[in-house]
Amino acid sequence: MLRLIIGNKAYSSWSLRPWLALRVANIPFDETLIPLYEDGSPEKARVFSPTGKVPCLIDGGITVWDSLAILEYLAETYPEAGLWPTDRARRAEARAVAAEMHSGFMPVRQNMPMNTRKVLPGKGFPEAEDTRAAIEKDIARIDGLWSSLRGRFAADGPFLFGSFTVVDAMFAPVVSRFKTYDIALSDAAQGYADTILALPAMQDWYAAAEQEPWVLPHCEK
């Protein structure tokens, strides 16, 4: 049985990614939750992960840390799950999009921390005009990317590349952030966001987050 080490479901965007992929792909796993930013949290995580951070996947004697690395491992270990497109060109593009999410969109990520328990309209934009402009640029890029992919691959299913892939897992926390901060999107992009939010696994994640006792002030805006 796989074991996934995660952080608080209300706040841990990186934990959501592999957790969601495992659930959507119907891959059995056990989860261990280590609350973030508590005394001793890094030490508890370091029992499983060499970085002292979550998420971390344990598969027997194999340890994989970092969300994208975990997703790559799952795609390789469970090819029947279809976590990458089968078409070579489409798979290459999907990897590029996933990597862009993994390393980019820092203004959105820094100013709109994930918080599944709140709706905070307008709270994701600081007063500084240059930062606001950078956030708006990120949102426009994400909206355009989602809309373009949905326009091209809608005939193959409701997700960015048709069927659910690593890319959808990578963008799920962004969908959550846009919901929390009430970000206006184009019709196509909002339709995609609604598809992710409607996933039974996503709803289970939200429901579990509601029951958590931990509150992180810096994520409460």
Protein backbone atom coordinates (compact mmCIF):
# COMPACT_ATOMS: atom_id res chain seq x y z
CA MET A 1 0.00 0.00 0.00
CA LEU A 2 1.29 3.45 -0.92
CA ARG A 3 1.58 5.97 1.89
CA LEU A 4 1.19 9.69 1.22
CA ILE A 5 2.40 12.21 3.79
CA ILE A 6 0.45 15.48 3.52
CA GLY A 7 -0.14 18.77 5.32
CA ASN A 8 -3.34 20.50 6.41
CA LYS A 9 -6.05 20.07 3.81
CA ALA A 10 -7.28 23.62 4.34
CA TYR A 11 -3.94 25.10 3.30
CA SER A 12 -1.50 22.61 1.74
CA SER A 13 -1.67 23.22 -2.00
CA TRP A 14 1.27 20.95 -2.76
CA SER A 15 -0.32 18.09 -0.81
CA LEU A 16 -3.58 18.37 -2.75
CA ARG A 17 -1.91 17.61 -6.06
CA PRO A 18 -0.79 13.98 -5.56
CA TRP A 19 -3.70 13.24 -3.20
CA LEU A 20 -6.21 14.26 -5.88
CA ALA A 21 -4.43 12.26 -8.58
CA LEU A 22 -4.41 9.15 -6.43
CA ARG A 23 -8.10 9.49 -5.69
CA VAL A 24 -9.20 10.25 -9.25
CA ALA A 25 -7.07 7.37 -10.56
CA ASN A 26 -8.51 5.00 -7.93
CA ILE A 27 -5.05 4.05 -6.67
CA PRO A 28 -5.28 2.76 -3.07
CA PHE A 29 -3.15 4.59 -0.50
CA ASP A 30 -2.91 5.45 3.17
CA GLU A 31 -2.44 9.06 4.23
CA THR A 32 -0.58 10.58 7.15
CA LEU A 33 -1.27 14.24 7.94
CA ILE A 34 1.37 16.40 9.62
CA PRO A 35 0.02 19.86 10.61
CA LEU A 36 2.02 22.67 9.02
CA TYR A 37 3.92 25.38 10.92
CA GLU A 38 3.62 23.80 14.35
CA ASP A 39 6.54 23.26 16.71
CA GLY A 40 8.23 20.10 15.60
CA SER A 41 6.45 19.85 12.24
CA PRO A 42 9.65 19.73 10.15
CA GLU A 43 11.09 17.06 12.43
CA LYS A 44 7.93 14.96 12.11
CA ALA A 45 8.00 15.32 8.33
CA ARG A 46 11.71 14.49 8.21
CA VAL A 47 10.89 11.01 9.51
CA PHE A 48 9.48 10.40 6.02
CA SER A 49 10.97 13.10 3.78
CA PRO A 50 14.63 14.14 3.57
CA THR A 51 13.55 17.77 3.08
CA GLY A 52 11.33 17.89 6.15
CA LYS A 53 8.49 19.04 3.90
CA VAL A 54 5.28 17.56 2.56
CA PRO A 55 4.03 15.93 0.44
CA CYS A 56 6.06 12.77 0.37
CA LEU A 57 5.15 9.38 -1.09
CA ILE A 58 6.38 6.10 0.38
CA ASP A 59 6.19 2.97 -1.77
CA GLY A 60 7.95 0.18 0.10
CA GLY A 61 11.62 1.09 0.03
CA ILE A 62 11.07 3.99 -2.39
CA THR A 63 10.62 7.55 -1.13
CA VAL A 64 9.54 10.33 -3.49
CA TRP A 65 9.21 13.95 -2.43
CA ASP A 66 8.00 17.01 -4.38
CA SER A 67 4.51 17.02 -5.88
CA LEU A 68 5.51 16.83 -9.53
CA ALA A 69 8.04 14.08 -8.89
CA ILE A 70 5.34 12.09 -7.07
CA LEU A 71 2.94 12.57 -9.97
CA GLU A 72 5.59 11.43 -12.45
CA TYR A 73 6.23 8.36 -10.31
CA LEU A 74 2.53 7.53 -10.18
CA ALA A 75 2.18 7.94 -13.95
CA GLU A 76 5.13 5.60 -14.52
CA THR A 77 4.07 3.03 -11.90
CA TYR A 78 0.40 2.98 -12.89
CA PRO A 79 0.33 3.54 -16.66
CA GLU A 80 -3.23 2.23 -16.81
CA ALA A 81 -4.31 5.35 -14.88
CA GLY A 82 -3.55 7.53 -17.91
CA LEU A 83 -1.99 10.34 -15.89
CA TRP A 84 -0.18 11.54 -19.01
CA PRO A 85 -1.73 11.72 -22.50
CA THR A 86 -0.87 8.73 -24.66
CA ASP A 87 -0.17 10.83 -27.75
CA ARG A 88 3.51 11.83 -27.81
CA ALA A 89 2.98 15.44 -28.90
CA ARG A 90 0.13 15.97 -26.47
CA ARG A 91 2.16 14.39 -23.67
CA ALA A 92 5.10 16.70 -24.36
CA GLU A 93 2.82 19.73 -24.20
CA ALA A 94 1.20 18.46 -21.01
CA ARG A 95 4.61 18.09 -19.38
CA ALA A 96 5.51 21.65 -20.37
CA VAL A 97 2.24 22.99 -18.91
CA ALA A 98 2.73 21.04 -15.68
CA ALA A 99 6.29 22.34 -15.39
CA GLU A 100 5.10 25.91 -15.99
CA MET A 101 2.69 25.52 -13.07
CA HIS A 102 5.36 23.90 -10.92
CA SER A 103 7.86 26.74 -11.30
CA GLY A 104 5.70 29.73 -12.20
CA PHE A 105 2.84 32.00 -11.17
CA MET A 106 4.61 33.15 -8.01
CA PRO A 107 2.61 36.42 -7.66
CA VAL A 108 -0.64 34.45 -7.44
CA ARG A 109 0.83 31.83 -5.13
CA GLN A 110 2.43 34.38 -2.80
CA ASN A 111 -0.55 36.72 -2.54
CA MET A 112 -3.38 34.19 -2.65
CA PRO A 113 -2.51 31.43 -0.17
CA MET A 114 -4.74 28.40 -0.45
CA ASN A 115 -7.57 28.44 2.08
CA THR A 116 -10.43 26.09 1.28
CA ARG A 117 -12.54 27.28 4.21
CA LYS A 118 -12.89 30.93 3.25
CA VAL A 119 -14.28 33.16 0.52
CA LEU A 120 -12.25 36.37 0.48
CA PRO A 121 -13.26 38.56 -2.48
CA GLY A 122 -10.61 41.12 -3.35
CA LYS A 123 -8.24 40.03 -0.59
CA GLY A 124 -5.74 38.51 -2.99
CA PHE A 125 -4.63 41.86 -4.39
CA PRO A 126 -2.18 44.07 -2.44
CA GLU A 127 -2.11 47.84 -2.76
CA ALA A 128 1.25 47.90 -4.56
CA GLU A 129 0.47 48.52 -8.22
CA ASP A 130 3.42 46.52 -9.57
CA THR A 131 2.44 43.46 -7.55
CA ARG A 132 -1.20 43.82 -8.56
CA ALA A 133 -0.14 44.01 -12.21
CA ALA A 134 1.97 40.87 -11.84
CA ILE A 135 -0.98 39.00 -10.30
CA GLU A 136 -3.30 40.12 -13.08
CA LYS A 137 -0.73 38.97 -15.65
CA ASP A 138 -0.62 35.53 -14.00
CA ILE A 139 -4.42 35.28 -13.96
CA ALA A 140 -4.62 36.25 -17.63
CA ARG A 141 -2.03 33.62 -18.57
CA ILE A 142 -3.81 30.90 -16.59
CA ASP A 143 -7.20 31.86 -17.99
CA GLY A 144 -5.84 31.89 -21.52
CA LEU A 145 -4.09 28.55 -21.04
CA TRP A 146 -7.17 26.82 -19.63
CA SER A 147 -9.42 28.29 -22.30
CA SER A 148 -7.08 27.32 -25.14
CA LEU A 149 -6.64 23.74 -23.95
CA ARG A 150 -10.35 23.28 -23.34
CA GLY A 151 -11.08 24.64 -26.80
CA ARG A 152 -8.68 22.19 -28.42
CA PHE A 153 -9.43 19.04 -26.41
CA ALA A 154 -13.06 19.42 -25.32
CA ALA A 155 -14.15 16.57 -27.58
CA ASP A 156 -11.98 14.15 -25.56
CA GLY A 157 -13.36 15.00 -22.12
CA PRO A 158 -13.91 17.82 -19.60
CA PHE A 159 -10.31 18.28 -18.43
CA LEU A 160 -7.43 20.30 -19.87
CA PHE A 161 -6.17 17.51 -22.12
CA GLY A 162 -9.49 15.70 -22.34
CA SER A 163 -9.15 13.04 -19.65
CA PHE A 164 -7.78 13.78 -16.16
CA THR A 165 -3.99 14.06 -16.16
CA VAL A 166 -1.11 15.31 -14.05
CA VAL A 167 -1.81 18.79 -15.41
CA ASP A 168 -5.24 18.89 -13.77
CA ALA A 169 -3.74 17.77 -10.47
CA MET A 170 -1.14 20.52 -10.74
CA PHE A 171 -3.73 23.23 -11.37
CA ALA A 172 -6.29 22.04 -8.77
CA PRO A 173 -4.89 24.33 -6.02
CA VAL A 174 -5.10 27.29 -8.41
CA VAL A 175 -8.76 26.46 -8.99
CA SER A 176 -9.18 26.50 -5.22
CA ARG A 177 -7.39 29.83 -4.89
CA PHE A 178 -9.53 31.44 -7.60
CA LYS A 179 -12.63 30.23 -5.75
CA THR A 180 -11.40 31.61 -2.42
CA TYR A 181 -10.50 35.03 -3.79
CA ASP A 182 -13.48 35.19 -6.16
CA ILE A 183 -11.43 35.71 -9.31
CA ALA A 184 -13.44 36.50 -12.43
CA LEU A 185 -12.63 34.14 -15.29
CA SER A 186 -13.75 33.69 -18.87
CA ASP A 187 -16.64 31.29 -19.45
CA ALA A 188 -14.36 28.51 -20.69
CA ALA A 189 -11.92 28.86 -17.80
CA GLN A 190 -14.70 29.05 -15.23
CA GLY A 191 -16.30 25.97 -16.72
CA TYR A 192 -13.05 24.10 -16.26
CA ALA A 193 -12.71 25.36 -12.68
CA ASP A 194 -16.25 24.17 -11.95
CA THR A 195 -15.35 20.72 -13.32
CA ILE A 196 -12.43 20.40 -10.91
CA LEU A 197 -14.46 21.66 -7.94
CA ALA A 198 -17.23 19.17 -8.74
CA LEU A 199 -14.91 16.14 -8.58
CA PRO A 200 -16.03 13.87 -5.72
CA ALA A 201 -12.42 13.67 -4.54
CA MET A 202 -12.15 17.46 -4.47
CA GLN A 203 -15.37 17.69 -2.48
CA ASP A 204 -14.02 15.11 -0.03
CA TRP A 205 -10.85 17.19 0.40
CA TYR A 206 -12.93 20.31 1.12
CA ALA A 207 -15.15 18.43 3.59
CA ALA A 208 -12.14 17.09 5.48
CA ALA A 209 -10.59 20.57 5.58
CA GLU A 210 -13.73 21.91 7.25
CA GLN A 211 -13.23 19.49 10.12
CA GLU A 212 -9.61 20.40 10.79
CA PRO A 213 -8.91 22.25 14.06
CA TRP A 214 -5.81 24.09 12.87
CA VAL A 215 -5.83 27.77 11.89
CA LEU A 216 -2.84 29.45 10.22
CA PRO A 217 -3.20 33.24 10.64
CA HIS A 218 -0.96 34.10 7.68
CA CYS A 219 -3.35 32.18 5.39
CA GLU A 220 -6.47 33.86 6.75
CA LYS A 221 -5.93 37.31 5.16
